[in-house]
Amino acid sequence: AKLMTAMNQNAVKIETAKALSFCEREALAMLHRQIYSFSDGFYDQH
């Protein structure tokens, strides 16, 4: 949490959260897969 505060990224857009935007999408995809269990191809696509 201290590291997150030091980085002070604004997750609203790429210009203020470059790498974090993709990190967030990956984390959400992990939980999405745990709920819906779609195929590897689905997650590769989306």
All heavy atoms as atom14 arrays in JSON, in Angstrom:
{
  "sequence": "AKLMTAMNQNAVKIETAKALSFCEREALAMLHRQIYSFSDGFYDQH",
  "atom14_mask": [
    [1, 1, 1, 1, 1, 0, 0, 0, 0, 0, 0, 0, 0, 0],
    [1, 1, 1, 1, 1, 1, 1, 1, 1, 0, 0, 0, 0, 0],
    [1, 1, 1, 1, 1, 1, 1, 1, 0, 0, 0, 0, 0, 0],
    [1, 1, 1, 1, 1, 1, 1, 1, 0, 0, 0, 0, 0, 0],
    [1, 1, 1, 1, 1, 1, 1, 0, 0, 0, 0, 0, 0, 0],
    [1, 1, 1, 1, 1, 0, 0, 0, 0, 0, 0, 0, 0, 0],
    [1, 1, 1, 1, 1, 1, 1, 1, 0, 0, 0, 0, 0, 0],
    [1, 1, 1, 1, 1, 1, 1, 1, 0, 0, 0, 0, 0, 0],
    [1, 1, 1, 1, 1, 1, 1, 1, 1, 0, 0, 0, 0, 0],
    [1, 1, 1, 1, 1, 1, 1, 1, 0, 0, 0, 0, 0, 0],
    [1, 1, 1, 1, 1, 0, 0, 0, 0, 0, 0, 0, 0, 0],
    [1, 1, 1, 1, 1, 1, 1, 0, 0, 0, 0, 0, 0, 0],
    [1, 1, 1, 1, 1, 1, 1, 1, 1, 0, 0, 0, 0, 0],
    [1, 1, 1, 1, 1, 1, 1, 1, 0, 0, 0, 0, 0, 0],
    [1, 1, 1, 1, 1, 1, 1, 1, 1, 0, 0, 0, 0, 0],
    [1, 1, 1, 1, 1, 1, 1, 0, 0, 0, 0, 0, 0, 0],
    [1, 1, 1, 1, 1, 0, 0, 0, 0, 0, 0, 0, 0, 0],
    [1, 1, 1, 1, 1, 1, 1, 1, 1, 0, 0, 0, 0, 0],
    [1, 1, 1, 1, 1, 0, 0, 0, 0, 0, 0, 0, 0, 0],
    [1, 1, 1, 1, 1, 1, 1, 1, 0, 0, 0, 0, 0, 0],
    [1, 1, 1, 1, 1, 1, 0, 0, 0, 0, 0, 0, 0, 0],
    [1, 1, 1, 1, 1, 1, 1, 1, 1, 1, 1, 0, 0, 0],
    [1, 1, 1, 1, 1, 1, 0, 0, 0, 0, 0, 0, 0, 0],
    [1, 1, 1, 1, 1, 1, 1, 1, 1, 0, 0, 0, 0, 0],
    [1, 1, 1, 1, 1, 1, 1, 1, 1, 1, 1, 0, 0, 0],
    [1, 1, 1, 1, 1, 1, 1, 1, 1, 0, 0, 0, 0, 0],
    [1, 1, 1, 1, 1, 0, 0, 0, 0, 0, 0, 0, 0, 0],
    [1, 1, 1, 1, 1, 1, 1, 1, 0, 0, 0, 0, 0, 0],
    [1, 1, 1, 1, 1, 0, 0, 0, 0, 0, 0, 0, 0, 0],
    [1, 1, 1, 1, 1, 1, 1, 1, 0, 0, 0, 0, 0, 0],
    [1, 1, 1, 1, 1, 1, 1, 1, 0, 0, 0, 0, 0, 0],
    [1, 1, 1, 1, 1, 1, 1, 1, 1, 1, 0, 0, 0, 0],
    [1, 1, 1, 1, 1, 1, 1, 1, 1, 1, 1, 0, 0, 0],
    [1, 1, 1, 1, 1, 1, 1, 1, 1, 0, 0, 0, 0, 0],
    [1, 1, 1, 1, 1, 1, 1, 1, 0, 0, 0, 0, 0, 0],
    [1, 1, 1, 1, 1, 1, 1, 1, 1, 1, 1, 1, 0, 0],
    [1, 1, 1, 1, 1, 1, 0, 0, 0, 0, 0, 0, 0, 0],
    [1, 1, 1, 1, 1, 1, 1, 1, 1, 1, 1, 0, 0, 0],
    [1, 1, 1, 1, 1, 1, 0, 0, 0, 0, 0, 0, 0, 0],
    [1, 1, 1, 1, 1, 1, 1, 1, 0, 0, 0, 0, 0, 0],
    [1, 1, 1, 1, 0, 0, 0, 0, 0, 0, 0, 0, 0, 0],
    [1, 1, 1, 1, 1, 1, 1, 1, 1, 1, 1, 0, 0, 0],
    [1, 1, 1, 1, 1, 1, 1, 1, 1, 1, 1, 1, 0, 0],
    [1, 1, 1, 1, 1, 1, 1, 1, 0, 0, 0, 0, 0, 0],
    [1, 1, 1, 1, 1, 1, 1, 1, 1, 0, 0, 0, 0, 0],
    [1, 1, 1, 1, 1, 1, 1, 1, 1, 1, 0, 0, 0, 0]
  ],
  "atom14_positions": [
    [[0.84, -1.21, 0.0], [0.0, 0.0, 0.0], [0.87, 1.24, 0.0], [0.53, 2.26, -0.64], [-0.93, -0.01, 1.2], [0.0, 0.0, 0.0], [0.0, 0.0, 0.0], [0.0, 0.0, 0.0], [0.0, 0.0, 0.0], [0.0, 0.0, 0.0], [0.0, 0.0, 0.0], [0.0, 0.0, 0.0], [0.0, 0.0, 0.0], [0.0, 0.0, 0.0]],
    [[1.99, 1.18, 0.7], [2.92, 2.32, 0.69], [3.52, 2.5, -0.7], [3.65, 3.63, -1.2], [4.02, 2.09, 1.72], [4.99, 3.26, 1.8], [6.05, 3.04, 2.86], [7.03, 4.22, 2.86], [8.09, 4.06, 3.87], [0.0, 0.0, 0.0], [0.0, 0.0, 0.0], [0.0, 0.0, 0.0], [0.0, 0.0, 0.0], [0.0, 0.0, 0.0]],
    [[3.87, 1.38, -1.34], [4.4, 1.45, -2.71], [3.35, 2.03, -3.65], [3.64, 2.89, -4.5], [4.81, 0.06, -3.17], [5.24, -0.08, -4.64], [6.46, 0.79, -4.93], [5.53, -1.55, -4.98], [0.0, 0.0, 0.0], [0.0, 0.0, 0.0], [0.0, 0.0, 0.0], [0.0, 0.0, 0.0], [0.0, 0.0, 0.0], [0.0, 0.0, 0.0]],
    [[2.11, 1.59, -3.5], [1.02, 2.09, -4.34], [0.85, 3.6, -4.17], [0.68, 4.34, -5.16], [-0.28, 1.37, -3.99], [-1.48, 1.78, -4.83], [-3.03, 1.17, -4.13], [-3.23, 2.31, -2.75], [0.0, 0.0, 0.0], [0.0, 0.0, 0.0], [0.0, 0.0, 0.0], [0.0, 0.0, 0.0], [0.0, 0.0, 0.0], [0.0, 0.0, 0.0]],
    [[0.94, 4.06, -2.94], [0.8, 5.49, -2.67], [1.98, 6.26, -3.26], [1.81, 7.35, -3.82], [0.71, 5.74, -1.16], [-0.41, 5.02, -0.64], [0.53, 7.22, -0.86], [0.0, 0.0, 0.0], [0.0, 0.0, 0.0], [0.0, 0.0, 0.0], [0.0, 0.0, 0.0], [0.0, 0.0, 0.0], [0.0, 0.0, 0.0], [0.0, 0.0, 0.0]],
    [[3.18, 5.69, -3.15], [4.36, 6.35, -3.71], [4.24, 6.5, -5.23], [4.6, 7.53, -5.8], [5.62, 5.57, -3.34], [0.0, 0.0, 0.0], [0.0, 0.0, 0.0], [0.0, 0.0, 0.0], [0.0, 0.0, 0.0], [0.0, 0.0, 0.0], [0.0, 0.0, 0.0], [0.0, 0.0, 0.0], [0.0, 0.0, 0.0], [0.0, 0.0, 0.0]],
    [[3.69, 5.47, -5.88], [3.51, 5.52, -7.34], [2.41, 6.51, -7.73], [2.49, 7.15, -8.77], [3.17, 4.13, -7.86], [4.31, 3.13, -7.75], [3.71, 1.42, -7.94], [3.03, 1.46, -9.59], [0.0, 0.0, 0.0], [0.0, 0.0, 0.0], [0.0, 0.0, 0.0], [0.0, 0.0, 0.0], [0.0, 0.0, 0.0], [0.0, 0.0, 0.0]],
    [[1.37, 6.61, -6.89], [0.28, 7.57, -7.09], [-0.29, 7.52, -8.5], [-0.48, 8.55, -9.16], [0.74, 8.99, -6.75], [-0.44, 9.94, -6.56], [-1.52, 9.53, -6.15], [-0.23, 11.21, -6.87], [0.0, 0.0, 0.0], [0.0, 0.0, 0.0], [0.0, 0.0, 0.0], [0.0, 0.0, 0.0], [0.0, 0.0, 0.0], [0.0, 0.0, 0.0]],
    [[-0.59, 6.31, -8.96], [-1.18, 6.15, -10.28], [-2.67, 6.48, -10.25], [-3.35, 6.22, -9.26], [-0.99, 4.72, -10.77], [0.46, 4.25, -10.82], [1.27, 4.96, -11.89], [1.17, 4.67, -13.06], [2.1, 5.91, -11.46], [0.0, 0.0, 0.0], [0.0, 0.0, 0.0], [0.0, 0.0, 0.0], [0.0, 0.0, 0.0], [0.0, 0.0, 0.0]],
    [[-3.15, 7.07, -11.33], [-4.59, 7.32, -11.48], [-5.11, 6.32, -12.51], [-4.84, 6.45, -13.71], [-4.84, 8.76, -11.94], [-6.32, 9.09, -12.04], [-7.17, 8.21, -11.91], [-6.64, 10.35, -12.28], [0.0, 0.0, 0.0], [0.0, 0.0, 0.0], [0.0, 0.0, 0.0], [0.0, 0.0, 0.0], [0.0, 0.0, 0.0], [0.0, 0.0, 0.0]],
    [[-5.88, 5.35, -12.03], [-6.28, 4.22, -12.88], [-7.34, 4.57, -13.92], [-7.81, 3.69, -14.63], [-6.76, 3.06, -12.01], [0.0, 0.0, 0.0], [0.0, 0.0, 0.0], [0.0, 0.0, 0.0], [0.0, 0.0, 0.0], [0.0, 0.0, 0.0], [0.0, 0.0, 0.0], [0.0, 0.0, 0.0], [0.0, 0.0, 0.0], [0.0, 0.0, 0.0]],
    [[-7.69, 5.83, -14.04], [-8.72, 6.22, -15.01], [-8.23, 6.08, -16.44], [-9.02, 5.84, -17.35], [-9.21, 7.66, -14.74], [-8.13, 8.69, -15.08], [-10.49, 7.96, -15.5], [0.0, 0.0, 0.0], [0.0, 0.0, 0.0], [0.0, 0.0, 0.0], [0.0, 0.0, 0.0], [0.0, 0.0, 0.0], [0.0, 0.0, 0.0], [0.0, 0.0, 0.0]],
    [[-6.9, 6.21, -16.67], [-6.44, 6.2, -18.07], [-4.98, 5.78, -18.16], [-4.22, 5.84, -17.19], [-6.64, 7.57, -18.7], [-5.79, 8.68, -18.14], [-6.07, 10.02, -18.8], [-5.51, 10.16, -20.18], [-6.19, 9.53, -21.26], [0.0, 0.0, 0.0], [0.0, 0.0, 0.0], [0.0, 0.0, 0.0], [0.0, 0.0, 0.0], [0.0, 0.0, 0.0]],
    [[-4.58, 5.39, -19.36], [-3.23, 4.91, -19.64], [-2.19, 5.98, -19.34], [-1.1, 5.68, -18.84], [-3.12, 4.46, -21.12], [-3.84, 3.12, -21.32], [-1.67, 4.35, -21.57], [-3.12, 1.94, -20.73], [0.0, 0.0, 0.0], [0.0, 0.0, 0.0], [0.0, 0.0, 0.0], [0.0, 0.0, 0.0], [0.0, 0.0, 0.0], [0.0, 0.0, 0.0]],
    [[-2.48, 7.23, -19.65], [-1.5, 8.3, -19.47], [-1.13, 8.54, -18.02], [-0.12, 9.19, -17.73], [-2.03, 9.6, -20.09], [-2.12, 9.54, -21.62], [-2.68, 10.82, -22.22], [-3.14, 11.7, -21.47], [-2.65, 10.93, -23.46], [0.0, 0.0, 0.0], [0.0, 0.0, 0.0], [0.0, 0.0, 0.0], [0.0, 0.0, 0.0], [0.0, 0.0, 0.0]],
    [[-1.92, 8.01, -17.09], [-1.59, 8.15, -15.66], [-1.47, 6.8, -14.96], [-1.3, 6.75, -13.74], [-2.67, 9.0, -14.94], [-3.97, 8.45, -15.23], [-2.62, 10.45, -15.39], [0.0, 0.0, 0.0], [0.0, 0.0, 0.0], [0.0, 0.0, 0.0], [0.0, 0.0, 0.0], [0.0, 0.0, 0.0], [0.0, 0.0, 0.0], [0.0, 0.0, 0.0]],
    [[-1.6, 5.71, -15.71], [-1.47, 4.36, -15.13], [-1.06, 3.39, -16.23], [-1.8, 2.47, -16.57], [-2.77, 3.92, -14.48], [0.0, 0.0, 0.0], [0.0, 0.0, 0.0], [0.0, 0.0, 0.0], [0.0, 0.0, 0.0], [0.0, 0.0, 0.0], [0.0, 0.0, 0.0], [0.0, 0.0, 0.0], [0.0, 0.0, 0.0], [0.0, 0.0, 0.0]],
    [[0.11, 3.58, -16.76], [0.54, 2.85, -17.97], [0.54, 1.34, -17.77], [-0.28, 0.61, -18.34], [1.92, 3.34, -18.39], [2.4, 2.8, -19.73], [3.75, 3.44, -20.09], [4.25, 2.93, -21.42], [5.56, 3.55, -21.78], [0.0, 0.0, 0.0], [0.0, 0.0, 0.0], [0.0, 0.0, 0.0], [0.0, 0.0, 0.0], [0.0, 0.0, 0.0]],
    [[1.44, 0.84, -16.95], [1.53, -0.61, -16.74], [0.4, -1.11, -15.85], [-0.08, -2.24, -16.01], [2.88, -0.97, -16.13], [0.0, 0.0, 0.0], [0.0, 0.0, 0.0], [0.0, 0.0, 0.0], [0.0, 0.0, 0.0], [0.0, 0.0, 0.0], [0.0, 0.0, 0.0], [0.0, 0.0, 0.0], [0.0, 0.0, 0.0], [0.0, 0.0, 0.0]],
    [[-0.03, -0.28, -14.9], [-1.04, -0.71, -13.95], [-2.37, -1.04, -14.63], [-3.1, -1.91, -14.17], [-1.27, 0.37, -12.89], [-2.14, -0.06, -11.71], [-1.42, -1.07, -10.84], [-2.56, 1.14, -10.89], [0.0, 0.0, 0.0], [0.0, 0.0, 0.0], [0.0, 0.0, 0.0], [0.0, 0.0, 0.0], [0.0, 0.0, 0.0], [0.0, 0.0, 0.0]],
    [[-2.68, -0.37, -15.73], [-3.93, -0.65, -16.44], [-3.98, -2.1, -16.91], [-5.0, -2.78, -16.8], [-4.09, 0.29, -17.64], [-4.17, 1.63, -17.21], [0.0, 0.0, 0.0], [0.0, 0.0, 0.0], [0.0, 0.0, 0.0], [0.0, 0.0, 0.0], [0.0, 0.0, 0.0], [0.0, 0.0, 0.0], [0.0, 0.0, 0.0], [0.0, 0.0, 0.0]],
    [[-2.86, -2.59, -17.41], [-2.81, -3.97, -17.9], [-2.74, -4.96, -16.74], [-3.29, -6.07, -16.81], [-1.63, -4.14, -18.85], [-1.69, -3.22, -20.04], [-0.87, -2.12, -20.11], [-2.62, -3.44, -21.05], [-0.94, -1.25, -21.2], [-2.7, -2.58, -22.13], [-1.86, -1.48, -22.21], [0.0, 0.0, 0.0], [0.0, 0.0, 0.0], [0.0, 0.0, 0.0]],
    [[-2.06, -4.55, -15.66], [-2.01, -5.37, -14.45], [-3.43, -5.55, -13.89], [-3.81, -6.65, -13.46], [-1.11, -4.69, -13.43], [-0.98, -5.53, -11.84], [0.0, 0.0, 0.0], [0.0, 0.0, 0.0], [0.0, 0.0, 0.0], [0.0, 0.0, 0.0], [0.0, 0.0, 0.0], [0.0, 0.0, 0.0], [0.0, 0.0, 0.0], [0.0, 0.0, 0.0]],
    [[-4.23, -4.48, -13.92], [-5.6, -4.55, -13.42], [-6.44, -5.49, -14.27], [-7.2, -6.31, -13.76], [-6.22, -3.15, -13.41], [-7.66, -3.13, -12.94], [-8.2, -1.72, -12.72], [-7.49, -0.91, -12.1], [-9.33, -1.44, -13.16], [0.0, 0.0, 0.0], [0.0, 0.0, 0.0], [0.0, 0.0, 0.0], [0.0, 0.0, 0.0], [0.0, 0.0, 0.0]],
    [[-6.3, -5.38, -15.59], [-7.08, -6.26, -16.48], [-6.71, -7.72, -16.24], [-7.57, -8.6, -16.28], [-6.83, -5.87, -17.94], [-7.43, -4.52, -18.35], [-7.15, -4.22, -19.81], [-7.87, -5.13, -20.69], [-9.02, -4.83, -21.31], [-9.58, -3.65, -21.16], [-9.59, -5.73, -22.09], [0.0, 0.0, 0.0], [0.0, 0.0, 0.0], [0.0, 0.0, 0.0]],
    [[-5.43, -7.99, -15.98], [-5.0, -9.36, -15.73], [-5.62, -9.89, -14.43], [-6.12, -11.02, -14.38], [-3.48, -9.43, -15.64], [-2.96, -10.84, -15.39], [-1.45, -10.89, -15.35], [-0.87, -10.47, -14.33], [-0.85, -11.35, -16.34], [0.0, 0.0, 0.0], [0.0, 0.0, 0.0], [0.0, 0.0, 0.0], [0.0, 0.0, 0.0], [0.0, 0.0, 0.0]],
    [[-5.59, -9.06, -13.36], [-6.15, -9.49, -12.08], [-7.65, -9.77, -12.21], [-8.15, -10.77, -11.68], [-5.89, -8.43, -11.02], [0.0, 0.0, 0.0], [0.0, 0.0, 0.0], [0.0, 0.0, 0.0], [0.0, 0.0, 0.0], [0.0, 0.0, 0.0], [0.0, 0.0, 0.0], [0.0, 0.0, 0.0], [0.0, 0.0, 0.0], [0.0, 0.0, 0.0]],
    [[-8.37, -8.91, -12.92], [-9.8, -9.12, -13.1], [-10.08, -10.37, -13.92], [-11.04, -11.1, -13.66], [-10.41, -7.89, -13.78], [-10.47, -6.62, -12.91], [-10.83, -5.41, -13.76], [-11.46, -6.79, -11.77], [0.0, 0.0, 0.0], [0.0, 0.0, 0.0], [0.0, 0.0, 0.0], [0.0, 0.0, 0.0], [0.0, 0.0, 0.0], [0.0, 0.0, 0.0]],
    [[-9.22, -10.64, -14.9], [-9.39, -11.85, -15.72], [-9.21, -13.12, -14.89], [-9.88, -14.13, -15.12], [-8.41, -11.83, -16.89], [0.0, 0.0, 0.0], [0.0, 0.0, 0.0], [0.0, 0.0, 0.0], [0.0, 0.0, 0.0], [0.0, 0.0, 0.0], [0.0, 0.0, 0.0], [0.0, 0.0, 0.0], [0.0, 0.0, 0.0], [0.0, 0.0, 0.0]],
    [[-8.29, -13.08, -13.92], [-8.07, -14.24, -13.06], [-9.36, -14.59, -12.3], [-9.75, -15.76, -12.22], [-6.96, -13.95, -12.05], [-5.57, -13.81, -12.63], [-4.39, -13.48, -11.28], [-3.01, -12.82, -12.21], [0.0, 0.0, 0.0], [0.0, 0.0, 0.0], [0.0, 0.0, 0.0], [0.0, 0.0, 0.0], [0.0, 0.0, 0.0], [0.0, 0.0, 0.0]],
    [[-10.0, -13.57, -11.73], [-11.24, -13.82, -10.99], [-12.39, -14.18, -11.92], [-13.24, -15.02, -11.59], [-11.59, -12.6, -10.14], [-10.81, -12.48, -8.83], [-11.04, -11.13, -8.17], [-11.19, -13.61, -7.87], [0.0, 0.0, 0.0], [0.0, 0.0, 0.0], [0.0, 0.0, 0.0], [0.0, 0.0, 0.0], [0.0, 0.0, 0.0], [0.0, 0.0, 0.0]],
    [[-12.44, -13.54, -13.08], [-13.46, -13.86, -14.08], [-13.39, -15.34, -14.44], [-14.41, -16.04, -14.51], [-13.26, -12.99, -15.32], [-14.35, -13.11, -16.34], [-14.43, -14.18, -17.22], [-15.4, -12.29, -16.65], [-15.48, -14.01, -18.02], [-16.08, -12.88, -17.69], [0.0, 0.0, 0.0], [0.0, 0.0, 0.0], [0.0, 0.0, 0.0], [0.0, 0.0, 0.0]],
    [[-12.19, -15.82, -14.64], [-12.0, -17.23, -14.99], [-12.46, -18.15, -13.87], [-13.03, -19.22, -14.11], [-10.53, -17.49, -15.32], [-10.25, -18.88, -15.85], [-8.84, -19.0, -16.37], [-8.69, -20.18, -17.2], [-7.97, -20.27, -18.3], [-7.32, -19.21, -18.74], [-7.89, -21.38, -18.96], [0.0, 0.0, 0.0], [0.0, 0.0, 0.0], [0.0, 0.0, 0.0]],
    [[-12.24, -17.71, -12.61], [-12.66, -18.53, -11.47], [-14.18, -18.61, -11.38], [-14.74, -19.6, -10.92], [-12.07, -17.94, -10.19], [-12.06, -18.87, -9.0], [-11.16, -20.09, -9.18], [-10.31, -20.11, -10.06], [-11.37, -21.11, -8.38], [0.0, 0.0, 0.0], [0.0, 0.0, 0.0], [0.0, 0.0, 0.0], [0.0, 0.0, 0.0], [0.0, 0.0, 0.0]],
    [[-14.87, -17.55, -11.84], [-16.33, -17.54, -11.82], [-16.9, -18.32, -13.0], [-17.76, -19.19, -12.84], [-16.87, -16.08, -11.87], [-16.43, -15.29, -10.64], [-18.39, -16.07, -11.98], [-16.65, -13.79, -10.77], [0.0, 0.0, 0.0], [0.0, 0.0, 0.0], [0.0, 0.0, 0.0], [0.0, 0.0, 0.0], [0.0, 0.0, 0.0], [0.0, 0.0, 0.0]],
    [[-16.43, -17.99, -14.21], [-17.08, -18.48, -15.42], [-16.39, -19.67, -16.09], [-17.02, -20.39, -16.87], [-17.19, -17.33, -16.44], [-18.14, -16.24, -16.01], [-17.67, -15.01, -15.56], [-19.51, -16.45, -16.03], [-18.54, -14.0, -15.17], [-20.4, -15.45, -15.64], [-19.9, -14.22, -15.21], [-20.78, -13.24, -14.82], [0.0, 0.0, 0.0], [0.0, 0.0, 0.0]],
    [[-15.12, -19.87, -15.83], [-14.38, -21.04, -16.36], [-14.49, -21.18, -17.87], [-14.71, -22.28, -18.4], [-14.87, -22.33, -15.68], [-14.68, -22.28, -14.29], [0.0, 0.0, 0.0], [0.0, 0.0, 0.0], [0.0, 0.0, 0.0], [0.0, 0.0, 0.0], [0.0, 0.0, 0.0], [0.0, 0.0, 0.0], [0.0, 0.0, 0.0], [0.0, 0.0, 0.0]],
    [[-14.33, -20.07, -18.58], [-14.32, -20.14, -20.05], [-12.99, -20.72, -20.53], [-12.07, -20.96, -19.75], [-14.57, -18.76, -20.65], [-15.99, -18.27, -20.48], [-16.26, -16.91, -20.36], [-17.06, -19.15, -20.43], [-17.56, -16.45, -20.21], [-18.36, -18.71, -20.28], [-18.62, -17.35, -20.17], [0.0, 0.0, 0.0], [0.0, 0.0, 0.0], [0.0, 0.0, 0.0]],
    [[-12.86, -20.92, -21.82], [-11.69, -21.59, -22.39], [-10.46, -20.69, -22.4], [-10.55, -19.47, -22.26], [-12.01, -22.01, -23.83], [-12.16, -20.85, -24.65], [0.0, 0.0, 0.0], [0.0, 0.0, 0.0], [0.0, 0.0, 0.0], [0.0, 0.0, 0.0], [0.0, 0.0, 0.0], [0.0, 0.0, 0.0], [0.0, 0.0, 0.0], [0.0, 0.0, 0.0]],
    [[-9.3, -21.32, -22.61], [-8.06, -20.56, -22.75], [-8.19, -19.56, -23.9], [-7.73, -18.42, -23.8], [-6.88, -21.49, -23.03], [-6.5, -22.33, -21.82], [-6.95, -21.99, -20.7], [-5.76, -23.31, -21.98], [0.0, 0.0, 0.0], [0.0, 0.0, 0.0], [0.0, 0.0, 0.0], [0.0, 0.0, 0.0], [0.0, 0.0, 0.0], [0.0, 0.0, 0.0]],
    [[-8.81, -20.01, -24.99], [-8.96, -19.15, -26.15], [-9.77, -17.9, -25.85], [-9.48, -16.8, -26.35], [0.0, 0.0, 0.0], [0.0, 0.0, 0.0], [0.0, 0.0, 0.0], [0.0, 0.0, 0.0], [0.0, 0.0, 0.0], [0.0, 0.0, 0.0], [0.0, 0.0, 0.0], [0.0, 0.0, 0.0], [0.0, 0.0, 0.0], [0.0, 0.0, 0.0]],
    [[-10.8, -18.05, -25.0], [-11.62, -16.9, -24.62], [-10.77, -15.85, -23.93], [-10.83, -14.65, -24.25], [-12.75, -17.36, -23.7], [-13.59, -16.23, -23.14], [-14.71, -15.77, -23.82], [-13.25, -15.63, -21.93], [-15.48, -14.73, -23.31], [-14.02, -14.6, -21.41], [-15.13, -14.15, -22.11], [0.0, 0.0, 0.0], [0.0, 0.0, 0.0], [0.0, 0.0, 0.0]],
    [[-9.95, -16.28, -22.97], [-9.15, -15.32, -22.21], [-8.01, -14.77, -23.06], [-7.64, -13.6, -22.91], [-8.68, -15.94, -20.91], [-9.85, -16.19, -19.99], [-10.41, -17.46, -19.85], [-10.48, -15.14, -19.33], [-11.52, -17.69, -19.05], [-11.6, -15.34, -18.53], [-12.12, -16.62, -18.41], [-13.25, -16.83, -17.64], [0.0, 0.0, 0.0], [0.0, 0.0, 0.0]],
    [[-7.45, -15.57, -23.95], [-6.44, -15.06, -24.87], [-7.01, -13.92, -25.72], [-6.34, -12.94, -26.02], [-5.93, -16.17, -25.78], [-5.07, -17.19, -25.05], [-4.6, -16.86, -23.94], [-4.9, -18.31, -25.57], [0.0, 0.0, 0.0], [0.0, 0.0, 0.0], [0.0, 0.0, 0.0], [0.0, 0.0, 0.0], [0.0, 0.0, 0.0], [0.0, 0.0, 0.0]],
    [[-8.28, -14.07, -26.08], [-8.93, -13.07, -26.93], [-9.29, -11.79, -26.19], [-9.19, -10.69, -26.72], [-10.19, -13.67, -27.57], [-10.97, -12.68, -28.44], [-12.27, -13.27, -28.97], [-12.52, -14.47, -28.84], [-13.09, -12.43, -29.57], [0.0, 0.0, 0.0], [0.0, 0.0, 0.0], [0.0, 0.0, 0.0], [0.0, 0.0, 0.0], [0.0, 0.0, 0.0]],
    [[-9.71, -11.92, -24.92], [-10.34, -10.79, -24.25], [-9.53, -10.13, -23.13], [-9.81, -8.98, -22.78], [-11.69, -11.21, -23.67], [-12.69, -11.58, -24.71], [-13.26, -10.66, -25.58], [-13.22, -12.79, -25.05], [-14.1, -11.28, -26.39], [-14.1, -12.57, -26.09], [0.0, 0.0, 0.0], [0.0, 0.0, 0.0], [0.0, 0.0, 0.0], [0.0, 0.0, 0.0]]
  ]
}
